[in-house]
C-alpha atoms as a PDB file:
ATOM      1  CA  MET A   1     -30.825  -4.484  -7.496  1.00  0.00           C
ATOM      2  CA  GLU A   2     -30.753  -8.045  -6.152  1.00  0.00           C
ATOM      3  CA  ARG A   3     -30.821  -9.414  -9.702  1.00  0.00           C
ATOM      4  CA  HIS A   4     -27.774  -7.282 -10.583  1.00  0.00           C
ATOM      5  CA  SER A   5     -25.759  -8.581  -7.604  1.00  0.00           C
ATOM      6  CA  GLU A   6     -26.759 -12.137  -8.575  1.00  0.00           C
ATOM      7  CA  GLN A   7     -25.393 -11.576 -12.086  1.00  0.00           C
ATOM      8  CA  THR A   8     -22.236 -10.009 -10.680  1.00  0.00           C
ATOM      9  CA  LYS A   9     -21.532 -13.111  -8.618  1.00  0.00           C
ATOM     10  CA  GLN A  10     -21.998 -15.397 -11.635  1.00  0.00           C
ATOM     11  CA  LEU A  11     -20.052 -13.448 -14.245  1.00  0.00           C
ATOM     12  CA  SER A  12     -17.068 -11.162 -14.387  1.00  0.00           C
ATOM     13  CA  ASP A  13     -16.918  -9.406 -17.733  1.00  0.00           C
ATOM     14  CA  GLY A  14     -18.120 -12.452 -19.656  1.00  0.00           C
ATOM     15  CA  ILE A  15     -15.995 -15.064 -17.850  1.00  0.00           C
ATOM     16  CA  GLU A  16     -18.169 -17.882 -16.583  1.00  0.00           C
ATOM     17  CA  HIS A  17     -18.128 -19.155 -13.002  1.00  0.00           C
ATOM     18  CA  MET A  18     -16.469 -16.101 -11.493  1.00  0.00           C
ATOM     19  CA  PRO A  19     -17.318 -15.616  -7.805  1.00  0.00           C
ATOM     20  CA  ARG A  20     -17.002 -11.835  -8.204  1.00  0.00           C
ATOM     21  CA  ARG A  21     -16.111  -9.119 -10.691  1.00  0.00           C
ATOM     22  CA  MET A  22     -12.438  -8.733 -11.484  1.00  0.00           C
ATOM     23  CA  THR A  23     -10.730  -5.704  -9.999  1.00  0.00           C
ATOM     24  CA  PRO A  24      -9.071  -3.130 -12.277  1.00  0.00           C
ATOM     25  CA  GLN A  25      -5.690  -4.441 -11.073  1.00  0.00           C
ATOM     26  CA  GLU A  26      -6.617  -8.015 -12.072  1.00  0.00           C
ATOM     27  CA  LYS A  27      -7.732  -6.835 -15.509  1.00  0.00           C
ATOM     28  CA  ALA A  28      -4.477  -4.889 -15.941  1.00  0.00           C
ATOM     29  CA  ALA A  29      -2.446  -7.927 -14.867  1.00  0.00           C
ATOM     30  CA  ASP A  30      -4.304 -10.113 -17.382  1.00  0.00           C
ATOM     31  CA  THR A  31      -3.491  -7.577 -20.109  1.00  0.00           C
ATOM     32  CA  VAL A  32       0.200  -7.512 -19.124  1.00  0.00           C
ATOM     33  CA  TYR A  33       0.230 -11.329 -19.059  1.00  0.00           C
ATOM     34  CA  LEU A  34      -1.293 -11.479 -22.550  1.00  0.00           C
ATOM     35  CA  TYR A  35       1.214  -8.976 -23.971  1.00  0.00           C
ATOM     36  CA  LEU A  36       4.155 -10.761 -22.354  1.00  0.00           C
ATOM     37  CA  GLN A  37       2.957 -14.125 -23.637  1.00  0.00           C
ATOM     38  CA  VAL A  38       2.541 -12.857 -27.217  1.00  0.00           C
ATOM     39  CA  SER A  39       5.866 -11.004 -27.046  1.00  0.00           C
ATOM     40  CA  SER A  40       7.650 -14.127 -25.818  1.00  0.00           C
ATOM     41  CA  ARG A  41       6.482 -15.951 -28.951  1.00  0.00           C
ATOM     42  CA  LEU A  42       7.482 -13.164 -31.337  1.00  0.00           C
ATOM     43  CA  LEU A  43      10.852 -12.110 -29.907  1.00  0.00           C
ATOM     44  CA  PHE A  44      12.783 -14.360 -32.287  1.00  0.00           C
ATOM     45  CA  ILE A  45      11.342 -12.393 -35.230  1.00  0.00           C
ATOM     46  CA  LEU A  46      12.211  -9.067 -33.624  1.00  0.00           C
ATOM     47  CA  GLY A  47      15.698 -10.381 -32.809  1.00  0.00           C
ATOM     48  CA  ALA A  48      16.202 -11.471 -36.417  1.00  0.00           C
ATOM     49  CA  LEU A  49      15.060  -8.104 -37.767  1.00  0.00           C
ATOM     50  CA  VAL A  50      17.266  -6.128 -35.397  1.00  0.00           C
ATOM     51  CA  GLY A  51      20.209  -8.419 -36.118  1.00  0.00           C
ATOM     52  CA  TYR A  52      19.753  -8.090 -39.865  1.00  0.00           C
ATOM     53  CA  TRP A  53      19.439  -4.323 -39.593  1.00  0.00           C
ATOM     54  CA  PHE A  54      22.718  -4.109 -37.653  1.00  0.00           C
ATOM     55  CA  HIS A  55      24.933  -6.410 -39.660  1.00  0.00           C
ATOM     56  CA  GLY A  56      23.211  -8.771 -42.093  1.00  0.00           C
ATOM     57  CA  VAL A  57      22.248 -12.429 -42.252  1.00  0.00           C
ATOM     58  CA  TYR A  58      24.685 -13.829 -39.687  1.00  0.00           C
ATOM     59  CA  THR A  59      23.595 -11.368 -36.988  1.00  0.00           C
ATOM     60  CA  ALA A  60      19.972 -11.980 -37.971  1.00  0.00           C
ATOM     61  CA  LEU A  61      20.455 -15.660 -37.072  1.00  0.00           C
ATOM     62  CA  VAL A  62      22.159 -14.722 -33.798  1.00  0.00           C
ATOM     63  CA  GLY A  63      19.379 -12.229 -33.055  1.00  0.00           C
ATOM     64  CA  ALA A  64      16.683 -14.812 -33.833  1.00  0.00           C
ATOM     65  CA  PHE A  65      18.371 -17.340 -31.556  1.00  0.00           C
ATOM     66  CA  ALA A  66      18.735 -14.763 -28.768  1.00  0.00           C
ATOM     67  CA  GLY A  67      15.070 -13.773 -29.146  1.00  0.00           C
ATOM     68  CA  TYR A  68      14.047 -17.442 -29.014  1.00  0.00           C
ATOM     69  CA  ILE A  69      16.048 -18.035 -25.809  1.00  0.00           C
ATOM     70  CA  ILE A  70      14.694 -14.862 -24.169  1.00  0.00           C
ATOM     71  CA  GLY A  71      11.163 -15.959 -25.161  1.00  0.00           C
ATOM     72  CA  ILE A  72      11.684 -19.330 -23.462  1.00  0.00           C
ATOM     73  CA  TRP A  73      12.953 -17.562 -20.345  1.00  0.00           C
ATOM     74  CA  MET A  74       9.932 -15.228 -20.385  1.00  0.00           C
ATOM     75  CA  ARG A  75       7.449 -18.115 -20.625  1.00  0.00           C
ATOM     76  CA  ARG A  76       9.153 -19.986 -17.776  1.00  0.00           C
ATOM     77  CA  SER A  77       9.329 -16.813 -15.699  1.00  0.00           C
ATOM     78  CA  MET A  78       5.584 -16.296 -16.235  1.00  0.00           C
ATOM     79  CA  GLY A  79       4.930 -19.826 -15.003  1.00  0.00           C
ATOM     80  CA  ILE A  80       4.083 -21.338 -18.402  1.00  0.00           C
ATOM     81  CA  ARG A  81       5.040 -25.003 -18.443  1.00  0.00           C
ATOM     82  CA  GLY A  82       4.854 -27.397 -21.377  1.00  0.00           C
ATOM     83  CA  PRO A  83       2.911 -27.216 -24.630  1.00  0.00           C
ATOM     84  CA  ASP A  84      -0.549 -27.684 -23.051  1.00  0.00           C
ATOM     85  CA  PRO A  85      -1.410 -24.432 -21.228  1.00  0.00           C
ATOM     86  CA  GLU A  86      -3.999 -26.022 -18.924  1.00  0.00           C
ATOM     87  CA  GLU A  87      -1.852 -28.956 -17.870  1.00  0.00           C
ATOM     88  CA  GLY A  88       1.192 -26.695 -17.616  1.00  0.00           C
ATOM     89  CA  TRP A  89      -0.691 -24.289 -15.348  1.00  0.00           C
ATOM     90  CA  PHE A  90      -1.570 -27.087 -12.930  1.00  0.00           C
ATOM     91  CA  GLN A  91       2.028 -28.304 -13.086  1.00  0.00           C
ATOM     92  CA  ARG A  92       3.185 -24.809 -12.088  1.00  0.00           C
ATOM     93  CA  MET A  93       0.623 -24.648  -9.267  1.00  0.00           C
ATOM     94  CA  ARG A  94       2.049 -27.926  -7.955  1.00  0.00           C
ATOM     95  CA  GLU A  95       5.588 -26.502  -8.120  1.00  0.00           C
ATOM     96  CA  ARG A  96       4.441 -23.397  -6.247  1.00  0.00           C
ATOM     97  CA  ALA A  97       2.592 -25.524  -3.660  1.00  0.00           C
ATOM     98  CA  GLU A  98       5.836 -27.407  -3.026  1.00  0.00           C
ATOM     99  CA  GLY A  99       7.693 -24.165  -2.337  1.00  0.00           C
ATOM    100  CA  SER A 100       9.101 -23.168  -5.727  1.00  0.00           C
ATOM    101  CA  PRO A 101       9.700 -19.413  -5.753  1.00  0.00           C
ATOM    102  CA  ARG A 102       7.858 -17.129  -8.142  1.00  0.00           C
ATOM    103  CA  GLY A 103       9.542 -16.253 -11.408  1.00  0.00           C
ATOM    104  CA  TYR A 104      10.364 -12.596 -12.012  1.00  0.00           C
ATOM    105  CA  LEU A 105       7.460 -12.121 -14.395  1.00  0.00           C
ATOM    106  CA  GLU A 106       5.110 -14.121 -12.124  1.00  0.00           C
ATOM    107  CA  TRP A 107       6.079 -11.721  -9.354  1.00  0.00           C
ATOM    108  CA  LEU A 108       5.389  -8.737 -11.634  1.00  0.00           C
ATOM    109  CA  ILE A 109       1.975 -10.048 -12.684  1.00  0.00           C
ATOM    110  CA  GLU A 110       0.954 -10.964  -9.132  1.00  0.00           C
ATOM    111  CA  THR A 111       2.118  -7.564  -7.877  1.00  0.00           C
ATOM    112  CA  ILE A 112       0.015  -5.789 -10.490  1.00  0.00           C
ATOM    113  CA  ARG A 113      -2.891  -8.147  -9.741  1.00  0.00           C
ATOM    114  CA  ALA A 114      -2.653  -7.462  -5.996  1.00  0.00           C
ATOM    115  CA  ASN A 115      -3.847 -11.038  -5.529  1.00  0.00           C
ATOM    116  CA  GLU A 116      -0.941 -13.404  -4.866  1.00  0.00           C
ATOM    117  CA  PHE A 117      -0.945 -17.155  -5.437  1.00  0.00           C
ATOM    118  CA  THR A 118       0.194 -18.247  -1.990  1.00  0.00           C
ATOM    119  CA  LYS A 119       1.328 -21.772  -1.108  1.00  0.00           C
ATOM    120  CA  GLU A 120      -2.082 -22.338   0.480  1.00  0.00           C
ATOM    121  CA  LYS A 121      -3.938 -21.273  -2.669  1.00  0.00           C
ATOM    122  CA  CYS A 122      -1.671 -23.440  -4.813  1.00  0.00           C
ATOM    123  CA  ARG A 123      -2.195 -26.440  -2.511  1.00  0.00           C
ATOM    124  CA  ALA A 124      -5.973 -25.953  -2.653  1.00  0.00           C
ATOM    125  CA  ILE A 125      -5.850 -25.724  -6.453  1.00  0.00           C
ATOM    126  CA  CYS A 126      -3.756 -28.906  -6.650  1.00  0.00           C
ATOM    127  CA  ALA A 127      -6.141 -30.730  -4.317  1.00  0.00           C
ATOM    128  CA  ALA A 128      -9.125 -29.685  -6.456  1.00  0.00           C
ATOM    129  CA  TYR A 129      -7.291 -30.762  -9.619  1.00  0.00           C
ATOM    130  CA  ASP A 130      -6.330 -34.151  -8.152  1.00  0.00           C
ATOM    131  CA  GLU A 131      -9.908 -34.730  -7.001  1.00  0.00           C
ATOM    132  CA  ALA A 132     -11.227 -33.824 -10.452  1.00  0.00           C
ATOM    133  CA  MET A 133      -8.739 -36.147 -12.186  1.00  0.00           C
ATOM    134  CA  ASP A 134      -9.829 -39.000  -9.894  1.00  0.00           C
ATOM    135  CA  SER A 135     -13.483 -38.218 -10.657  1.00  0.00           C
ATOM    136  CA  LEU A 136     -12.812 -38.106 -14.408  1.00  0.00           C
ATOM    137  CA  GLN A 137     -11.452 -41.653 -14.244  1.00  0.00           C
ATOM    138  CA  LEU A 138     -14.835 -42.807 -12.933  1.00  0.00           C
ATOM    139  CA  CYS A 139     -16.944 -40.917 -15.483  1.00  0.00           C
ATOM    140  CA  SER A 140     -18.792 -43.017 -18.018  1.00  0.00           C
ATOM    141  CA  SER A 141     -20.383 -40.290 -20.123  1.00  0.00           C
ATOM    142  CA  GLN A 142     -19.408 -37.015 -21.727  1.00  0.00           C
ATOM    143  CA  GLU A 143     -21.989 -35.189 -19.595  1.00  0.00           C
ATOM    144  CA  ASP A 144     -20.354 -36.509 -16.422  1.00  0.00           C
ATOM    145  CA  ARG A 145     -16.914 -35.386 -17.624  1.00  0.00           C
ATOM    146  CA  GLU A 146     -18.257 -31.927 -18.473  1.00  0.00           C
ATOM    147  CA  ALA A 147     -19.870 -31.653 -15.028  1.00  0.00           C
ATOM    148  CA  VAL A 148     -16.560 -32.562 -13.345  1.00  0.00           C
ATOM    149  CA  GLN A 149     -14.684 -30.017 -15.480  1.00  0.00           C
ATOM    150  CA  LYS A 150     -17.283 -27.333 -14.741  1.00  0.00           C
ATOM    151  CA  LYS A 151     -17.001 -28.007 -11.007  1.00  0.00           C
ATOM    152  CA  LEU A 152     -13.186 -27.850 -11.233  1.00  0.00           C
ATOM    153  CA  ASP A 153     -13.413 -24.535 -13.096  1.00  0.00           C
ATOM    154  CA  GLN A 154     -15.749 -23.093 -10.458  1.00  0.00           C
ATOM    155  CA  THR A 155     -13.525 -24.305  -7.619  1.00  0.00           C
ATOM    156  CA  ILE A 156     -10.339 -22.937  -9.191  1.00  0.00           C
ATOM    157  CA  LYS A 157     -11.940 -19.544  -9.805  1.00  0.00           C
ATOM    158  CA  SER A 158     -13.304 -19.347  -6.270  1.00  0.00           C
ATOM    159  CA  ILE A 159      -9.798 -20.070  -4.931  1.00  0.00           C
ATOM    160  CA  SER A 160      -8.049 -17.720  -7.372  1.00  0.00           C
ATOM    161  CA  TYR A 161     -10.552 -14.875  -7.028  1.00  0.00           C
ATOM    162  CA  PRO A 162     -11.749 -14.921  -3.407  1.00  0.00           C
ATOM    163  CA  GLU A 163     -14.761 -12.770  -2.646  1.00  0.00           C
ATOM    164  CA  ASP A 164     -13.045 -11.207   0.354  1.00  0.00           C
ATOM    165  CA  LEU A 165      -9.868  -9.584  -0.936  1.00  0.00           C
ATOM    166  CA  PRO A 166      -7.365  -8.516   1.724  1.00  0.00           C
END
């Protein structure tokens, strides 16, 4: 029994460094996030197809453009910033720590998750990220860099997935 609880603290459904197992709400929110992210990338195709079906090539171009713009809005509303997802996530955490309101889709995902990213959580994540970036500057070997990144990952997950949920 003790061995099982030890494994539970180390892993959550195959994700390393999790302080606890993910709740069903967190899993559902991750699924919604994935579907929204994929949909945001494919909306321009759907828009083009719908536009072409309604009125031909010209409306297909308008539909593709509309789908592209809606996809951009969706990604911003989900908190996705820039082309690099990791760097963009930390950029968004910094925005949230400074008081930026949640996007509509961020609100939806956090509501489903039942685990909100508060200003305090975002500040703690930013502090951990800044500390890790400072440490990476001092690293002389690949092993040192990997250790710093592993520690950052563990810290972020312990902040994001606290063991004592409200």
